[in-house]
Amino acid sequence: MRIGWIGAGTMGARMIERLRAAGAGVSVWERPRTDGDRPSYREIVRTSDIVVTMVGTPRDVEDVYFGAEGIIGNGRAGQTFIDMTTSSPELAGRIADAASAIGARAFDAPVSGGPVGAEQGTLSVMVGGDVDALDAVAPVLGPLAGSIVHQGPAGSGQRAKLLNQLLVAAVTAAAGEVYRLAQTQPIDGDALRRSMLAGAAGSPLVDFVWGKLAADDFEPGYRLAHLRKDLDLLEAVDPRSTHSAPLLQMLRSAVDTAIERRGEASGSQGLGVSAERAR
């Protein structure tokens, strides 16, 4: 089974390592160092049985699949395409239809779990596509995931991931605000952290955010820009229903504020804390 991988970023590079450690043969396309170089995925696509994409934005996904050098134009019958980017449900549906037209199959399979989950092979994978063809993606998803759940037809994996991101944003913002407020109280912040993690408020995400803030570490595992992109995508799925989602609107505003103060490349753990750390 020959696997081609397009998009070896923060998450992708760790996932590729997991696959190779499991014995999979993975060919990786890397972005050219020179901006003027024209990206071509042709050889990766033509020589792979399964092609995985994990790029930055829906525009990148569109280019990779539908560009002149891309997957659909260079793919063949019998191949499997897996897009693990957090992207647009509508675009996932178009990719699945285009793949079917050439005799291939496509899945949208975004993940949750961050860099740690990618390193440990414990990612949660939310899959959209033909449930009867899921066995085709097992060689890729198996070594990467602690949970693989089929969400429904093409685009359903993306819908599930975008809703997941709303919860991620809410917990991140709340953890950051509690951390900031704790610095103003005459209590031991670490003692508070231990108590929260042992109770109903505890979660791996709260632990992650608190630990990063305590270390003044705003390096990105997940960029504020990507979080803003995900919340925008969620609103675009059904503007009528999300218009009445006040938490979504509040969090979009909070992300904008965090980007203004720290920059869009900053880690999402900065959501909910002011530009100057309260002491």
Protein backbone atom coordinates (compact mmCIF):
# COMPACT_ATOMS: atom_id res chain seq x y z
CA MET A 1 0.00 0.00 0.00
CA ARG A 2 1.65 3.21 -1.20
CA ILE A 3 0.66 6.32 0.75
CA GLY A 4 1.25 9.84 -0.56
CA TRP A 5 1.06 12.71 1.91
CA ILE A 6 0.57 16.39 1.03
CA GLY A 7 1.02 18.80 3.94
CA ALA A 8 3.74 18.00 6.48
CA GLY A 9 3.11 20.82 8.96
CA THR A 10 2.98 20.76 12.74
CA MET A 11 0.43 17.94 12.83
CA GLY A 12 1.20 16.26 9.54
CA ALA A 13 4.89 15.70 10.25
CA ARG A 14 4.09 13.88 13.50
CA MET A 15 1.43 11.76 11.81
CA ILE A 16 3.84 10.79 9.06
CA GLU A 17 6.33 9.65 11.70
CA ARG A 18 3.62 7.46 13.28
CA LEU A 19 2.83 5.82 9.95
CA ARG A 20 6.45 5.17 9.15
CA ALA A 21 7.04 3.72 12.62
CA ALA A 22 4.16 1.33 11.89
CA GLY A 23 5.93 0.19 8.73
CA ALA A 24 3.95 2.15 6.15
CA GLY A 25 5.65 3.49 3.05
CA VAL A 26 4.89 7.21 2.88
CA SER A 27 5.97 9.59 0.13
CA VAL A 28 5.77 13.22 1.24
CA TRP A 29 5.29 16.34 -0.83
CA GLU A 30 6.94 19.36 0.74
CA ARG A 31 6.20 22.98 -0.16
CA PRO A 32 8.93 24.51 -2.37
CA ARG A 33 11.35 26.79 -0.54
CA THR A 34 11.14 29.42 -3.28
CA ASP A 35 7.84 31.26 -3.50
CA GLY A 36 8.09 31.44 -7.26
CA ASP A 37 8.19 27.65 -7.63
CA ARG A 38 4.95 26.21 -8.94
CA PRO A 39 3.65 23.50 -6.63
CA SER A 40 3.08 20.13 -8.27
CA TYR A 41 1.62 17.07 -6.58
CA ARG A 42 1.44 15.09 -9.80
CA GLU A 43 4.03 12.42 -9.04
CA ILE A 44 2.78 11.87 -5.48
CA VAL A 45 -0.75 11.37 -6.80
CA ARG A 46 0.22 9.12 -9.68
CA THR A 47 2.40 6.79 -7.62
CA SER A 48 0.16 6.42 -4.54
CA ASP A 49 -2.75 4.13 -3.69
CA ILE A 50 -3.93 6.43 -0.90
CA VAL A 51 -3.37 10.20 -0.98
CA VAL A 52 -3.69 12.13 2.29
CA THR A 53 -3.97 15.90 2.43
CA MET A 54 -3.51 18.02 5.53
CA VAL A 55 -3.01 21.61 4.49
CA GLY A 56 -3.92 24.99 5.96
CA THR A 57 -7.19 26.39 4.63
CA PRO A 58 -10.11 25.47 2.36
CA ARG A 59 -8.44 27.50 -0.39
CA ASP A 60 -5.37 25.28 -0.07
CA VAL A 61 -7.59 22.19 -0.20
CA GLU A 62 -9.30 23.52 -3.33
CA ASP A 63 -5.94 24.11 -5.02
CA VAL A 64 -4.56 20.70 -4.07
CA TYR A 65 -7.59 18.82 -5.36
CA PHE A 66 -8.82 20.91 -8.28
CA GLY A 67 -5.73 22.80 -9.47
CA ALA A 68 -4.11 21.92 -12.78
CA GLU A 69 -1.39 19.93 -11.01
CA GLY A 70 -3.77 18.51 -8.43
CA ILE A 71 -5.31 15.31 -7.25
CA ILE A 72 -8.53 15.06 -9.26
CA GLY A 73 -6.86 15.86 -12.58
CA ASN A 74 -4.06 13.37 -11.98
CA GLY A 75 -5.91 10.69 -10.03
CA ARG A 76 -7.14 7.34 -11.30
CA ALA A 77 -9.79 4.76 -10.63
CA GLY A 78 -9.31 2.70 -7.48
CA GLN A 79 -7.46 5.35 -5.50
CA THR A 80 -8.53 6.66 -2.11
CA PHE A 81 -8.23 10.31 -1.10
CA ILE A 82 -8.38 11.41 2.55
CA ASP A 83 -8.56 15.08 3.45
CA MET A 84 -7.61 15.57 7.10
CA THR A 85 -7.62 19.36 6.91
CA THR A 86 -10.29 21.15 8.92
CA SER A 87 -12.18 22.54 5.97
CA SER A 88 -15.55 23.25 4.39
CA PRO A 89 -18.30 20.58 4.39
CA GLU A 90 -19.46 21.83 1.00
CA LEU A 91 -15.95 21.45 -0.42
CA ALA A 92 -15.71 17.93 1.03
CA GLY A 93 -18.88 17.03 -0.85
CA ARG A 94 -17.49 18.39 -4.13
CA ILE A 95 -14.28 16.42 -3.65
CA ALA A 96 -16.23 13.22 -3.02
CA ASP A 97 -18.34 13.76 -6.16
CA ALA A 98 -15.28 14.53 -8.29
CA ALA A 99 -13.45 11.47 -6.96
CA SER A 100 -16.43 9.26 -7.71
CA ALA A 101 -16.53 10.61 -11.28
CA ILE A 102 -13.04 9.21 -11.95
CA GLY A 103 -13.70 5.93 -10.14
CA ALA A 104 -11.88 6.89 -6.93
CA ARG A 105 -13.29 7.50 -3.43
CA ALA A 106 -12.77 10.35 -1.02
CA PHE A 107 -13.20 10.85 2.70
CA ASP A 108 -13.12 13.94 4.85
CA ALA A 109 -11.39 12.95 8.09
CA PRO A 110 -10.40 15.94 10.24
CA VAL A 111 -8.81 15.22 13.59
CA SER A 112 -8.78 16.50 17.15
CA GLY A 113 -6.09 15.94 19.73
CA GLY A 114 -3.34 18.38 18.82
CA PRO A 115 0.38 17.72 18.43
CA VAL A 116 0.48 15.48 21.50
CA GLY A 117 -2.28 13.27 20.10
CA ALA A 118 -0.48 13.17 16.76
CA GLU A 119 2.77 12.04 18.41
CA GLN A 120 1.07 9.41 20.57
CA GLY A 121 -1.34 8.08 17.96
CA THR A 122 -4.39 8.98 20.05
CA LEU A 123 -6.15 11.40 17.72
CA SER A 124 -9.93 11.53 17.43
CA VAL A 125 -10.80 11.15 13.75
CA MET A 126 -14.21 12.29 12.49
CA VAL A 127 -14.93 10.62 9.17
CA GLY A 128 -17.36 11.59 6.44
CA GLY A 129 -17.90 9.42 3.38
CA ASP A 130 -19.10 6.00 2.29
CA VAL A 131 -19.36 3.86 5.41
CA ASP A 132 -19.04 0.68 3.35
CA ALA A 133 -15.59 1.78 2.13
CA LEU A 134 -14.11 2.62 5.53
CA ASP A 135 -11.82 -0.41 5.44
CA ALA A 136 -9.92 1.35 2.65
CA VAL A 137 -8.67 4.04 5.04
CA ALA A 138 -7.80 1.72 7.93
CA PRO A 139 -4.09 1.45 6.94
CA VAL A 140 -3.76 5.22 7.38
CA LEU A 141 -6.11 6.01 10.23
CA GLY A 142 -5.33 3.01 12.43
CA PRO A 143 -1.80 4.03 13.56
CA LEU A 144 -2.90 7.64 14.12
CA ALA A 145 -6.07 7.33 16.12
CA GLY A 146 -7.43 6.44 19.50
CA SER A 147 -10.95 6.99 18.14
CA ILE A 148 -12.33 6.68 14.61
CA VAL A 149 -16.02 7.55 14.31
CA HIS A 150 -18.00 7.62 11.08
CA GLN A 151 -20.15 10.77 11.19
CA GLY A 152 -22.18 10.31 8.00
CA PRO A 153 -21.90 11.02 4.26
CA ALA A 154 -19.29 13.25 2.66
CA GLY A 155 -18.93 16.53 4.56
CA SER A 156 -20.16 15.09 7.85
CA GLY A 157 -16.66 14.74 9.25
CA GLN A 158 -16.10 18.44 8.63
CA ARG A 159 -19.41 19.39 10.24
CA ALA A 160 -18.51 17.37 13.34
CA LYS A 161 -15.04 18.93 13.53
CA LEU A 162 -16.33 22.48 13.26
CA LEU A 163 -18.76 21.91 16.12
CA ASN A 164 -15.87 20.36 18.07
CA GLN A 165 -13.87 23.54 17.48
CA LEU A 166 -16.58 25.69 19.02
CA LEU A 167 -16.25 23.66 22.21
CA VAL A 168 -12.45 23.82 22.03
CA ALA A 169 -12.59 27.61 21.70
CA ALA A 170 -15.03 27.92 24.62
CA VAL A 171 -12.95 25.76 26.98
CA THR A 172 -9.71 27.46 25.93
CA ALA A 173 -11.18 30.91 26.52
CA ALA A 174 -12.64 29.91 29.88
CA ALA A 175 -9.40 28.28 31.06
CA GLY A 176 -7.43 31.38 30.06
CA GLU A 177 -9.78 33.73 31.87
CA VAL A 178 -9.80 31.62 35.03
CA TYR A 179 -6.01 31.52 34.91
CA ARG A 180 -5.82 35.29 34.57
CA LEU A 181 -8.26 35.88 37.42
CA ALA A 182 -6.45 33.38 39.63
CA GLN A 183 -3.32 35.53 39.40
CA THR A 184 -5.23 38.36 41.11
CA GLN A 185 -6.32 36.24 44.09
CA PRO A 186 -4.33 35.42 47.25
CA ILE A 187 -4.31 31.70 46.43
CA ASP A 188 -1.83 29.20 45.07
CA GLY A 189 -2.52 28.90 41.35
CA ASP A 190 -1.01 25.44 41.09
CA ALA A 191 -3.15 24.21 43.98
CA LEU A 192 -6.22 25.54 42.17
CA ARG A 193 -5.15 23.78 39.01
CA ARG A 194 -4.82 20.44 40.81
CA SER A 195 -8.26 20.82 42.38
CA MET A 196 -9.92 21.70 39.09
CA LEU A 197 -8.32 18.84 37.21
CA ALA A 198 -9.54 16.39 39.84
CA GLY A 199 -13.12 17.63 39.56
CA ALA A 200 -15.83 18.11 36.96
CA ALA A 201 -14.04 21.10 35.39
CA GLY A 202 -10.93 19.08 34.61
CA SER A 203 -9.96 18.05 31.09
CA PRO A 204 -6.77 17.51 29.09
CA LEU A 205 -7.45 20.80 27.32
CA VAL A 206 -7.73 22.76 30.57
CA ASP A 207 -4.50 21.15 31.76
CA PHE A 208 -2.75 22.02 28.49
CA VAL A 209 -3.89 25.66 28.44
CA TRP A 210 -3.09 26.23 32.13
CA GLY A 211 0.36 24.70 31.81
CA LYS A 212 1.23 26.77 28.75
CA LEU A 213 0.09 30.00 30.40
CA ALA A 214 1.97 29.23 33.60
CA ALA A 215 5.12 28.84 31.52
CA ASP A 216 4.44 32.02 29.50
CA ASP A 217 4.51 29.77 26.45
CA PHE A 218 2.50 31.10 23.51
CA GLU A 219 4.20 29.05 20.83
CA PRO A 220 1.58 27.57 18.54
CA GLY A 221 0.44 24.03 18.61
CA TYR A 222 -2.74 25.44 17.12
CA ARG A 223 -2.63 28.97 15.78
CA LEU A 224 -5.14 31.68 16.59
CA ALA A 225 -5.53 32.24 12.84
CA HIS A 226 -6.62 28.64 12.35
CA LEU A 227 -9.10 28.87 15.21
CA ARG A 228 -10.60 31.99 13.65
CA LYS A 229 -10.82 30.17 10.31
CA ASP A 230 -12.67 27.26 11.93
CA LEU A 231 -15.21 29.50 13.66
CA ASP A 232 -15.81 31.34 10.38
CA LEU A 233 -16.36 28.02 8.61
CA LEU A 234 -18.86 26.95 11.27
CA GLU A 235 -20.85 30.14 10.79
CA ALA A 236 -20.81 29.64 7.02
CA VAL A 237 -22.28 26.12 7.28
CA ASP A 238 -25.71 27.51 8.16
CA PRO A 239 -25.73 31.27 8.80
CA ARG A 240 -29.39 31.22 9.87
CA SER A 241 -28.86 28.78 12.71
CA THR A 242 -25.46 30.08 13.82
CA HIS A 243 -26.73 33.66 13.91
CA SER A 244 -28.66 32.65 17.01
CA ALA A 245 -25.55 31.08 18.61
CA PRO A 246 -24.36 33.87 20.93
CA LEU A 247 -21.36 31.91 22.21
CA LEU A 248 -20.04 31.51 18.68
CA GLN A 249 -20.32 35.24 18.05
CA MET A 250 -18.65 36.08 21.37
CA LEU A 251 -15.77 33.69 20.73
CA ARG A 252 -15.16 35.06 17.23
CA SER A 253 -14.82 38.50 18.76
CA ALA A 254 -12.51 37.17 21.49
CA VAL A 255 -10.27 35.50 18.91
CA ASP A 256 -10.10 38.75 16.94
CA THR A 257 -9.00 40.59 20.10
CA ALA A 258 -6.36 37.95 20.86
CA ILE A 259 -5.04 38.21 17.29
CA GLU A 260 -4.79 42.00 17.58
CA ARG A 261 -2.79 41.67 20.81
CA ARG A 262 -0.58 38.69 20.08
CA GLY A 263 -0.65 38.13 16.33
CA GLU A 264 -2.39 35.46 14.31
CA ALA A 265 0.60 33.09 14.51
CA SER A 266 0.36 32.93 18.32
CA GLY A 267 -0.89 29.76 19.98
CA SER A 268 -4.59 29.53 20.77
CA GLN A 269 -3.75 29.18 24.48
CA GLY A 270 -3.54 32.99 24.47
CA LEU A 271 -7.32 33.23 24.04
CA GLY A 272 -8.87 34.66 27.19
CA VAL A 273 -5.77 36.30 28.64
CA SER A 274 -4.79 39.93 28.23
CA ALA A 275 -1.74 41.10 26.30
CA GLU A 276 0.12 41.69 29.53
CA ARG A 277 0.00 38.73 31.85
CA ALA A 278 -1.76 39.68 35.10
CA ARG A 279 0.41 39.15 38.15
